Amino acid sequence: RIRYTSPYPRDFKADVIAAIRDCPKVMEHCHMPLQSGHDAVLKRMHRLYTVEGFLRIADELRSAVPGIGLTTDIIVGFPGETDDEFESTLDVVRQVRFDGAYCFAYSIRPNTPAADMPQVPQLLKMERLNRLIKLQNEITCELNAAMVGQQVEVLVEGPSPKRPELLQGYSREFKMVHFAGSADRAGRMTRVKVTGGHLWGLSGELL
């Protein structure tokens, strides 16, 4: 299994999308860092892409690979981030509807240009982070619940550490799936019917 992880958006070309669509060993999943949903913040981060360009890639991926899983990284509270710039990030999250996101509050890294920029107060950063996480969690739950009834291909990792009576593994779309089965399935591919969706993934039953 091959996953395309952390591509720089401006270098994301049509041939990469074609590979995700056409190559059986390439999974229907892409982790593409957004970082911010406002061009001014991206410019301060020295990221040479725009929100418009990011949205175009997301649309092209979903057009070429229906059902593809899209995950991302987002930083809130980057130096100088205004309320409007943060709201733009929330708007992009609502528009793209990522399957999941790693969300962080900016922290100072010594000897970087951003360390000398006007800093966002810590309390405000945490308020923004909590709002972002709440929104993304709602979207994740909705998307996972919508998969109930579908069949997914799972690479079985083995028993779940928290619920050893269940097996766990990732679907091609990078959804963690839990289901009942014998431990000798570890390391094998199996088909699972999704019976439930929640924040941390899917529940299912063997086919």
C-alpha atoms as a PDB file:
ATOM      1  CA  ARG A   1       0.000   0.000   0.000  1.00  0.00           C
ATOM      2  CA  ILE A   2       1.299   3.440  -1.002  1.00  0.00           C
ATOM      3  CA  ARG A   3      -0.071   6.717   0.375  1.00  0.00           C
ATOM      4  CA  TYR A   4       0.679  10.166  -0.961  1.00  0.00           C
ATOM      5  CA  THR A   5       1.541  12.256   2.078  1.00  0.00           C
ATOM      6  CA  SER A   6       2.225  15.985   2.583  1.00  0.00           C
ATOM      7  CA  PRO A   7       2.577  17.158  -1.021  1.00  0.00           C
ATOM      8  CA  TYR A   8       3.414  20.813  -1.475  1.00  0.00           C
ATOM      9  CA  PRO A   9       0.229  22.120  -3.135  1.00  0.00           C
ATOM     10  CA  ARG A  10       1.910  24.184  -5.849  1.00  0.00           C
ATOM     11  CA  ASP A  11       3.756  21.049  -7.067  1.00  0.00           C
ATOM     12  CA  PHE A  12       0.652  18.856  -7.105  1.00  0.00           C
ATOM     13  CA  LYS A  13       0.298  17.993 -10.793  1.00  0.00           C
ATOM     14  CA  ALA A  14      -2.191  16.082 -12.907  1.00  0.00           C
ATOM     15  CA  ASP A  15       0.097  13.045 -13.157  1.00  0.00           C
ATOM     16  CA  VAL A  16      -0.031  12.583  -9.372  1.00  0.00           C
ATOM     17  CA  ILE A  17      -3.828  12.665  -9.425  1.00  0.00           C
ATOM     18  CA  ALA A  18      -3.773  10.166 -12.282  1.00  0.00           C
ATOM     19  CA  ALA A  19      -1.520   7.853 -10.286  1.00  0.00           C
ATOM     20  CA  ILE A  20      -3.884   7.935  -7.310  1.00  0.00           C
ATOM     21  CA  ARG A  21      -6.768   7.177  -9.666  1.00  0.00           C
ATOM     22  CA  ASP A  22      -5.117   4.488 -11.797  1.00  0.00           C
ATOM     23  CA  CYS A  23      -2.520   2.618  -9.699  1.00  0.00           C
ATOM     24  CA  PRO A  24      -4.056  -0.162  -7.556  1.00  0.00           C
ATOM     25  CA  LYS A  25      -1.252   0.008  -4.973  1.00  0.00           C
ATOM     26  CA  VAL A  26      -1.754   3.752  -4.452  1.00  0.00           C
ATOM     27  CA  MET A  27      -4.450   4.348  -1.858  1.00  0.00           C
ATOM     28  CA  GLU A  28      -7.475   6.612  -2.356  1.00  0.00           C
ATOM     29  CA  HIS A  29      -6.179   9.004   0.276  1.00  0.00           C
ATOM     30  CA  CYS A  30      -4.117  12.174   0.249  1.00  0.00           C
ATOM     31  CA  HIS A  31      -2.761  14.133   3.205  1.00  0.00           C
ATOM     32  CA  MET A  32      -2.364  17.673   1.888  1.00  0.00           C
ATOM     33  CA  PRO A  33      -1.430  20.395   4.426  1.00  0.00           C
ATOM     34  CA  LEU A  34      -3.573  23.528   4.213  1.00  0.00           C
ATOM     35  CA  GLN A  35      -1.938  25.334   7.177  1.00  0.00           C
ATOM     36  CA  SER A  36      -4.203  28.390   6.806  1.00  0.00           C
ATOM     37  CA  GLY A  37      -7.323  29.317   4.878  1.00  0.00           C
ATOM     38  CA  HIS A  38      -6.215  32.881   4.144  1.00  0.00           C
ATOM     39  CA  ASP A  39      -3.702  33.986   1.505  1.00  0.00           C
ATOM     40  CA  ALA A  40      -2.205  36.732   3.686  1.00  0.00           C
ATOM     41  CA  VAL A  41      -1.320  34.208   6.399  1.00  0.00           C
ATOM     42  CA  LEU A  42       0.097  31.787   3.837  1.00  0.00           C
ATOM     43  CA  LYS A  43       2.267  34.606   2.510  1.00  0.00           C
ATOM     44  CA  ARG A  44       3.563  35.377   6.026  1.00  0.00           C
ATOM     45  CA  MET A  45       4.327  31.676   6.371  1.00  0.00           C
ATOM     46  CA  HIS A  46       6.308  31.900   3.090  1.00  0.00           C
ATOM     47  CA  ARG A  47       4.106  29.239   1.539  1.00  0.00           C
ATOM     48  CA  LEU A  48       4.023  29.695  -2.193  1.00  0.00           C
ATOM     49  CA  TYR A  49       0.460  28.621  -2.882  1.00  0.00           C
ATOM     50  CA  THR A  50      -2.967  30.176  -2.525  1.00  0.00           C
ATOM     51  CA  VAL A  51      -6.259  29.071  -1.047  1.00  0.00           C
ATOM     52  CA  GLU A  52      -7.755  29.101  -4.542  1.00  0.00           C
ATOM     53  CA  GLY A  53      -5.045  26.752  -5.774  1.00  0.00           C
ATOM     54  CA  PHE A  54      -5.566  24.423  -2.828  1.00  0.00           C
ATOM     55  CA  LEU A  55      -9.315  24.274  -3.419  1.00  0.00           C
ATOM     56  CA  ARG A  56      -8.737  23.554  -7.105  1.00  0.00           C
ATOM     57  CA  ILE A  57      -6.570  20.549  -6.249  1.00  0.00           C
ATOM     58  CA  ALA A  58      -9.145  19.241  -3.769  1.00  0.00           C
ATOM     59  CA  ASP A  59     -11.870  19.533  -6.420  1.00  0.00           C
ATOM     60  CA  GLU A  60      -9.709  17.792  -9.037  1.00  0.00           C
ATOM     61  CA  LEU A  61      -8.917  14.947  -6.625  1.00  0.00           C
ATOM     62  CA  ARG A  62     -12.554  14.358  -5.771  1.00  0.00           C
ATOM     63  CA  SER A  63     -13.570  14.557  -9.413  1.00  0.00           C
ATOM     64  CA  ALA A  64     -10.949  12.000 -10.463  1.00  0.00           C
ATOM     65  CA  VAL A  65     -11.222   9.765  -7.387  1.00  0.00           C
ATOM     66  CA  PRO A  66     -14.753   9.812  -5.929  1.00  0.00           C
ATOM     67  CA  GLY A  67     -14.728   8.933  -2.230  1.00  0.00           C
ATOM     68  CA  ILE A  68     -11.056   9.815  -1.754  1.00  0.00           C
ATOM     69  CA  GLY A  69     -10.059  10.518   1.838  1.00  0.00           C
ATOM     70  CA  LEU A  70      -8.561  13.983   2.338  1.00  0.00           C
ATOM     71  CA  THR A  71      -6.707  14.888   5.506  1.00  0.00           C
ATOM     72  CA  THR A  72      -4.728  18.005   6.343  1.00  0.00           C
ATOM     73  CA  ASP A  73      -2.667  20.045   8.816  1.00  0.00           C
ATOM     74  CA  ILE A  74      -3.839  23.443  10.077  1.00  0.00           C
ATOM     75  CA  ILE A  75      -2.074  26.000  12.287  1.00  0.00           C
ATOM     76  CA  VAL A  76      -4.067  28.663  14.128  1.00  0.00           C
ATOM     77  CA  GLY A  77      -2.678  31.752  15.784  1.00  0.00           C
ATOM     78  CA  PHE A  78       0.227  32.298  13.414  1.00  0.00           C
ATOM     79  CA  PRO A  79       1.764  35.717  14.169  1.00  0.00           C
ATOM     80  CA  GLY A  80      -0.512  38.532  13.078  1.00  0.00           C
ATOM     81  CA  GLU A  81      -3.529  36.298  12.427  1.00  0.00           C
ATOM     82  CA  THR A  82      -6.674  38.435  12.628  1.00  0.00           C
ATOM     83  CA  ASP A  83     -10.195  37.346  13.466  1.00  0.00           C
ATOM     84  CA  ASP A  84     -11.144  37.606   9.788  1.00  0.00           C
ATOM     85  CA  GLU A  85      -8.156  35.508   8.713  1.00  0.00           C
ATOM     86  CA  PHE A  86      -9.071  32.811  11.223  1.00  0.00           C
ATOM     87  CA  GLU A  87     -12.715  32.872  10.106  1.00  0.00           C
ATOM     88  CA  SER A  88     -11.478  32.318   6.542  1.00  0.00           C
ATOM     89  CA  THR A  89      -9.759  29.137   7.716  1.00  0.00           C
ATOM     90  CA  LEU A  90     -13.023  27.900   9.221  1.00  0.00           C
ATOM     91  CA  ASP A  91     -14.781  28.727   5.935  1.00  0.00           C
ATOM     92  CA  VAL A  92     -12.273  26.637   3.957  1.00  0.00           C
ATOM     93  CA  VAL A  93     -12.688  23.719   6.377  1.00  0.00           C
ATOM     94  CA  ARG A  94     -16.456  23.912   5.872  1.00  0.00           C
ATOM     95  CA  GLN A  95     -16.007  24.024   2.107  1.00  0.00           C
ATOM     96  CA  VAL A  96     -13.490  21.201   1.730  1.00  0.00           C
ATOM     97  CA  ARG A  97     -14.917  18.971   4.489  1.00  0.00           C
ATOM     98  CA  PHE A  98     -11.707  17.126   5.308  1.00  0.00           C
ATOM     99  CA  ASP A  99     -12.002  13.586   6.611  1.00  0.00           C
ATOM    100  CA  GLY A 100      -9.599  14.539   9.372  1.00  0.00           C
ATOM    101  CA  ALA A 101      -7.172  17.267  10.349  1.00  0.00           C
ATOM    102  CA  TYR A 102      -4.182  17.662  12.615  1.00  0.00           C
ATOM    103  CA  CYS A 103      -4.843  21.018  14.276  1.00  0.00           C
ATOM    104  CA  PHE A 104      -2.203  22.999  16.133  1.00  0.00           C
ATOM    105  CA  ALA A 105      -1.775  26.352  17.831  1.00  0.00           C
ATOM    106  CA  TYR A 106       1.323  28.191  16.637  1.00  0.00           C
ATOM    107  CA  SER A 107       4.272  28.070  19.013  1.00  0.00           C
ATOM    108  CA  ILE A 108       7.383  30.211  18.719  1.00  0.00           C
ATOM    109  CA  ARG A 109      10.437  28.616  17.166  1.00  0.00           C
ATOM    110  CA  PRO A 110      13.572  30.558  18.109  1.00  0.00           C
ATOM    111  CA  ASN A 111      15.656  32.131  15.335  1.00  0.00           C
ATOM    112  CA  THR A 112      12.822  32.098  12.804  1.00  0.00           C
ATOM    113  CA  PRO A 113      11.333  35.212  11.156  1.00  0.00           C
ATOM    114  CA  ALA A 114       7.942  34.457  12.738  1.00  0.00           C
ATOM    115  CA  ALA A 115       9.452  34.638  16.223  1.00  0.00           C
ATOM    116  CA  ASP A 116       9.967  38.386  15.750  1.00  0.00           C
ATOM    117  CA  MET A 117       6.464  39.046  14.402  1.00  0.00           C
ATOM    118  CA  PRO A 118       3.557  40.320  16.560  1.00  0.00           C
ATOM    119  CA  GLN A 119       2.304  37.292  18.462  1.00  0.00           C
ATOM    120  CA  VAL A 120      -1.333  36.264  18.984  1.00  0.00           C
ATOM    121  CA  PRO A 121      -2.173  36.014  22.720  1.00  0.00           C
ATOM    122  CA  GLN A 122      -2.055  32.432  24.003  1.00  0.00           C
ATOM    123  CA  LEU A 123      -5.633  32.484  25.303  1.00  0.00           C
ATOM    124  CA  LEU A 124      -6.930  33.644  21.913  1.00  0.00           C
ATOM    125  CA  LYS A 125      -4.911  30.966  20.140  1.00  0.00           C
ATOM    126  CA  MET A 126      -6.443  28.268  22.315  1.00  0.00           C
ATOM    127  CA  GLU A 127      -9.962  29.628  21.801  1.00  0.00           C
ATOM    128  CA  ARG A 128      -9.428  29.500  18.041  1.00  0.00           C
ATOM    129  CA  LEU A 129      -7.920  26.026  18.220  1.00  0.00           C
ATOM    130  CA  ASN A 130     -10.890  24.712  20.197  1.00  0.00           C
ATOM    131  CA  ARG A 131     -13.340  26.193  17.668  1.00  0.00           C
ATOM    132  CA  LEU A 132     -11.449  24.618  14.778  1.00  0.00           C
ATOM    133  CA  ILE A 133     -11.258  21.209  16.445  1.00  0.00           C
ATOM    134  CA  LYS A 134     -14.977  21.296  17.282  1.00  0.00           C
ATOM    135  CA  LEU A 135     -15.867  22.086  13.656  1.00  0.00           C
ATOM    136  CA  GLN A 136     -13.563  19.434  12.227  1.00  0.00           C
ATOM    137  CA  ASN A 137     -14.807  16.801  14.679  1.00  0.00           C
ATOM    138  CA  GLU A 138     -18.383  17.474  13.579  1.00  0.00           C
ATOM    139  CA  ILE A 139     -17.413  17.068   9.914  1.00  0.00           C
ATOM    140  CA  THR A 140     -15.422  13.892  10.599  1.00  0.00           C
ATOM    141  CA  CYS A 141     -18.350  12.309  12.427  1.00  0.00           C
ATOM    142  CA  GLU A 142     -20.757  13.218   9.624  1.00  0.00           C
ATOM    143  CA  LEU A 143     -18.486  11.794   6.909  1.00  0.00           C
ATOM    144  CA  ASN A 144     -17.834   8.580   8.817  1.00  0.00           C
ATOM    145  CA  ALA A 145     -21.530   8.087   9.563  1.00  0.00           C
ATOM    146  CA  ALA A 146     -22.282   8.512   5.852  1.00  0.00           C
ATOM    147  CA  MET A 147     -20.142   5.426   5.106  1.00  0.00           C
ATOM    148  CA  VAL A 148     -22.501   3.057   6.912  1.00  0.00           C
ATOM    149  CA  GLY A 149     -23.538   0.309   4.493  1.00  0.00           C
ATOM    150  CA  GLN A 150     -20.450   0.639   2.317  1.00  0.00           C
ATOM    151  CA  GLN A 151     -17.807  -2.052   1.889  1.00  0.00           C
ATOM    152  CA  VAL A 152     -14.148  -1.212   2.523  1.00  0.00           C
ATOM    153  CA  GLU A 153     -10.874  -3.059   2.021  1.00  0.00           C
ATOM    154  CA  VAL A 154      -8.936  -3.235   5.291  1.00  0.00           C
ATOM    155  CA  LEU A 155      -5.306  -4.184   5.898  1.00  0.00           C
ATOM    156  CA  VAL A 156      -5.604  -5.911   9.273  1.00  0.00           C
ATOM    157  CA  GLU A 157      -3.061  -4.760  11.856  1.00  0.00           C
ATOM    158  CA  GLY A 158      -4.193  -7.103  14.621  1.00  0.00           C
ATOM    159  CA  PRO A 159      -6.231  -6.855  17.838  1.00  0.00           C
ATOM    160  CA  SER A 160      -7.243  -3.417  19.039  1.00  0.00           C
ATOM    161  CA  PRO A 161      -5.124  -2.341  22.042  1.00  0.00           C
ATOM    162  CA  LYS A 162      -8.190  -0.931  23.794  1.00  0.00           C
ATOM    163  CA  ARG A 163     -10.639  -3.657  22.785  1.00  0.00           C
ATOM    164  CA  PRO A 164      -8.621  -6.845  22.166  1.00  0.00           C
ATOM    165  CA  GLU A 165     -11.753  -8.769  21.261  1.00  0.00           C
ATOM    166  CA  LEU A 166     -11.829  -6.686  18.036  1.00  0.00           C
ATOM    167  CA  LEU A 167      -9.431  -6.477  15.123  1.00  0.00           C
ATOM    168  CA  GLN A 168      -8.364  -3.154  13.666  1.00  0.00           C
ATOM    169  CA  GLY A 169      -6.858  -1.851  10.450  1.00  0.00           C
ATOM    170  CA  TYR A 170      -7.017   0.996   7.950  1.00  0.00           C
ATOM    171  CA  SER A 171      -9.215   1.203   4.892  1.00  0.00           C
ATOM    172  CA  ARG A 172      -7.825   2.429   1.596  1.00  0.00           C
ATOM    173  CA  GLU A 173      -9.280   5.857   2.446  1.00  0.00           C
ATOM    174  CA  PHE A 174      -7.263   5.892   5.717  1.00  0.00           C
ATOM    175  CA  LYS A 175     -10.201   5.188   8.000  1.00  0.00           C
ATOM    176  CA  MET A 176      -9.472   3.130  11.097  1.00  0.00           C
ATOM    177  CA  VAL A 177     -11.904   0.189  11.134  1.00  0.00           C
ATOM    178  CA  HIS A 178     -12.760  -2.083  14.087  1.00  0.00           C
ATOM    179  CA  PHE A 179     -14.514  -5.422  13.625  1.00  0.00           C
ATOM    180  CA  ALA A 180     -14.787  -8.892  15.149  1.00  0.00           C
ATOM    181  CA  GLY A 181     -12.522 -11.585  13.771  1.00  0.00           C
ATOM    182  CA  SER A 182      -9.737 -14.052  14.556  1.00  0.00           C
ATOM    183  CA  ALA A 183      -6.226 -12.774  15.286  1.00  0.00           C
ATOM    184  CA  ASP A 184      -4.747 -14.902  12.478  1.00  0.00           C
ATOM    185  CA  ARG A 185      -6.069 -12.338  10.004  1.00  0.00           C
ATOM    186  CA  ALA A 186      -3.290  -9.910  11.026  1.00  0.00           C
ATOM    187  CA  GLY A 187      -1.262  -8.783   8.022  1.00  0.00           C
ATOM    188  CA  ARG A 188      -3.970  -9.787   5.541  1.00  0.00           C
ATOM    189  CA  MET A 189      -6.432  -7.831   3.419  1.00  0.00           C
ATOM    190  CA  THR A 190     -10.102  -8.349   4.180  1.00  0.00           C
ATOM    191  CA  ARG A 191     -13.448  -6.906   3.131  1.00  0.00           C
ATOM    192  CA  VAL A 192     -15.543  -5.274   5.824  1.00  0.00           C
ATOM    193  CA  LYS A 193     -19.070  -3.896   5.720  1.00  0.00           C
ATOM    194  CA  VAL A 194     -19.341  -0.612   7.628  1.00  0.00           C
ATOM    195  CA  THR A 195     -21.989  -0.748  10.352  1.00  0.00           C
ATOM    196  CA  GLY A 196     -21.147   2.429  12.268  1.00  0.00           C
ATOM    197  CA  GLY A 197     -19.203   5.668  12.040  1.00  0.00           C
ATOM    198  CA  HIS A 198     -17.753   7.771  14.842  1.00  0.00           C
ATOM    199  CA  LEU A 199     -15.053  10.364  15.492  1.00  0.00           C
ATOM    200  CA  TRP A 200     -12.159   7.930  15.518  1.00  0.00           C
ATOM    201  CA  GLY A 201     -13.180   5.803  12.544  1.00  0.00           C
ATOM    202  CA  LEU A 202     -15.559   3.038  11.560  1.00  0.00           C
ATOM    203  CA  SER A 203     -17.108  -0.106  13.004  1.00  0.00           C
ATOM    204  CA  GLY A 204     -17.877  -3.028  10.759  1.00  0.00           C
ATOM    205  CA  GLU A 205     -18.422  -6.713  10.205  1.00  0.00           C
ATOM    206  CA  LEU A 206     -16.496  -9.218   8.098  1.00  0.00           C
ATOM    207  CA  LEU A 207     -17.891 -10.174   4.710  1.00  0.00           C
END
